[in-house]
Amino acid sequence: MNIETELIFVYENNNYATIAYNSLNPDNEDYVYSYINNNKLICNIKSSKLSTTLATIEDLIHCEGIIEKTFKIKK
């Protein structure tokens, strides 16, 4: 079974989306195809296992939460 999932993170501006992309991308080269569209970071996940897909989603959301906290500290 092939599972495809798309997560879209919306940021205040393109600069924040780029920072998030650069922060998340190195960890996800084999699991996630990511790109920026205006102020959005779009992550496409493809896997043959549901457990891998769910773990990847959980990891992305957790890491993105840390990025959000960093943005708040920076302001």
Protein backbone atom coordinates (compact mmCIF):
# COMPACT_ATOMS: atom_id res chain seq x y z
CA MET A 1 0.00 0.00 0.00
CA ASN A 2 1.29 3.47 -0.86
CA ILE A 3 0.38 6.29 1.48
CA GLU A 4 0.69 9.92 0.45
CA THR A 5 0.19 12.77 2.90
CA GLU A 6 0.54 16.52 2.58
CA LEU A 7 1.17 18.87 5.50
CA ILE A 8 0.95 22.62 4.99
CA PHE A 9 2.47 25.00 7.52
CA VAL A 10 1.45 28.65 7.09
CA TYR A 11 3.80 31.36 8.34
CA GLU A 12 3.70 35.08 8.84
CA ASN A 13 5.88 35.63 5.77
CA ASN A 14 8.10 33.90 3.21
CA ASN A 15 11.21 34.46 5.32
CA TYR A 16 9.80 32.37 8.19
CA ALA A 17 8.73 29.67 5.73
CA THR A 18 12.29 29.58 4.36
CA ILE A 19 13.78 29.30 7.84
CA ALA A 20 11.43 26.42 8.67
CA TYR A 21 12.26 24.71 5.37
CA ASN A 22 15.99 24.98 6.00
CA SER A 23 15.56 23.71 9.55
CA LEU A 24 13.39 20.70 8.69
CA ASN A 25 14.76 19.65 5.33
CA PRO A 26 18.08 18.00 6.32
CA ASP A 27 16.32 15.45 8.55
CA ASN A 28 13.75 14.46 5.96
CA GLU A 29 15.61 13.87 2.72
CA ASP A 30 14.52 10.25 2.37
CA TYR A 31 10.96 10.57 3.66
CA VAL A 32 9.62 13.99 2.78
CA TYR A 33 9.63 16.21 -0.30
CA SER A 34 9.25 19.82 0.87
CA TYR A 35 8.96 23.13 -0.92
CA ILE A 36 7.96 26.73 -0.24
CA ASN A 37 5.01 28.47 -1.85
CA ASN A 38 4.80 32.12 -0.74
CA ASN A 39 4.45 31.98 3.06
CA LYS A 40 3.68 28.25 3.16
CA LEU A 41 5.94 25.28 3.76
CA ILE A 42 4.43 22.26 2.02
CA CYS A 43 5.62 18.79 3.01
CA ASN A 44 4.65 15.73 0.99
CA ILE A 45 5.22 12.39 2.66
CA LYS A 46 5.27 9.12 0.73
CA SER A 47 5.60 5.76 2.41
CA SER A 48 4.49 2.18 2.07
CA LYS A 49 3.85 1.82 5.81
CA LEU A 50 1.24 3.60 7.89
CA SER A 51 3.49 3.46 10.96
CA THR A 52 6.29 5.25 9.08
CA THR A 53 3.87 7.89 7.80
CA LEU A 54 2.44 8.56 11.26
CA ALA A 55 5.91 8.71 12.85
CA THR A 56 7.08 11.15 10.17
CA ILE A 57 4.01 13.37 10.64
CA GLU A 58 4.51 13.37 14.40
CA ASP A 59 8.20 14.23 14.01
CA LEU A 60 7.48 17.08 11.58
CA ILE A 61 4.81 18.60 13.81
CA HIS A 62 7.04 18.33 16.87
CA CYS A 63 10.03 19.91 15.12
CA GLU A 64 7.86 22.62 13.60
CA GLY A 65 6.56 23.43 17.09
CA ILE A 66 10.12 24.05 18.22
CA ILE A 67 10.64 26.34 15.23
CA GLU A 68 7.46 28.28 16.18
CA LYS A 69 8.73 28.70 19.76
CA THR A 70 12.06 29.97 18.40
CA PHE A 71 10.24 32.54 16.25
CA LYS A 72 8.38 33.79 19.34
CA ILE A 73 11.58 34.09 21.36
CA LYS A 74 13.24 35.97 18.49
CA LYS A 75 10.45 38.57 18.39
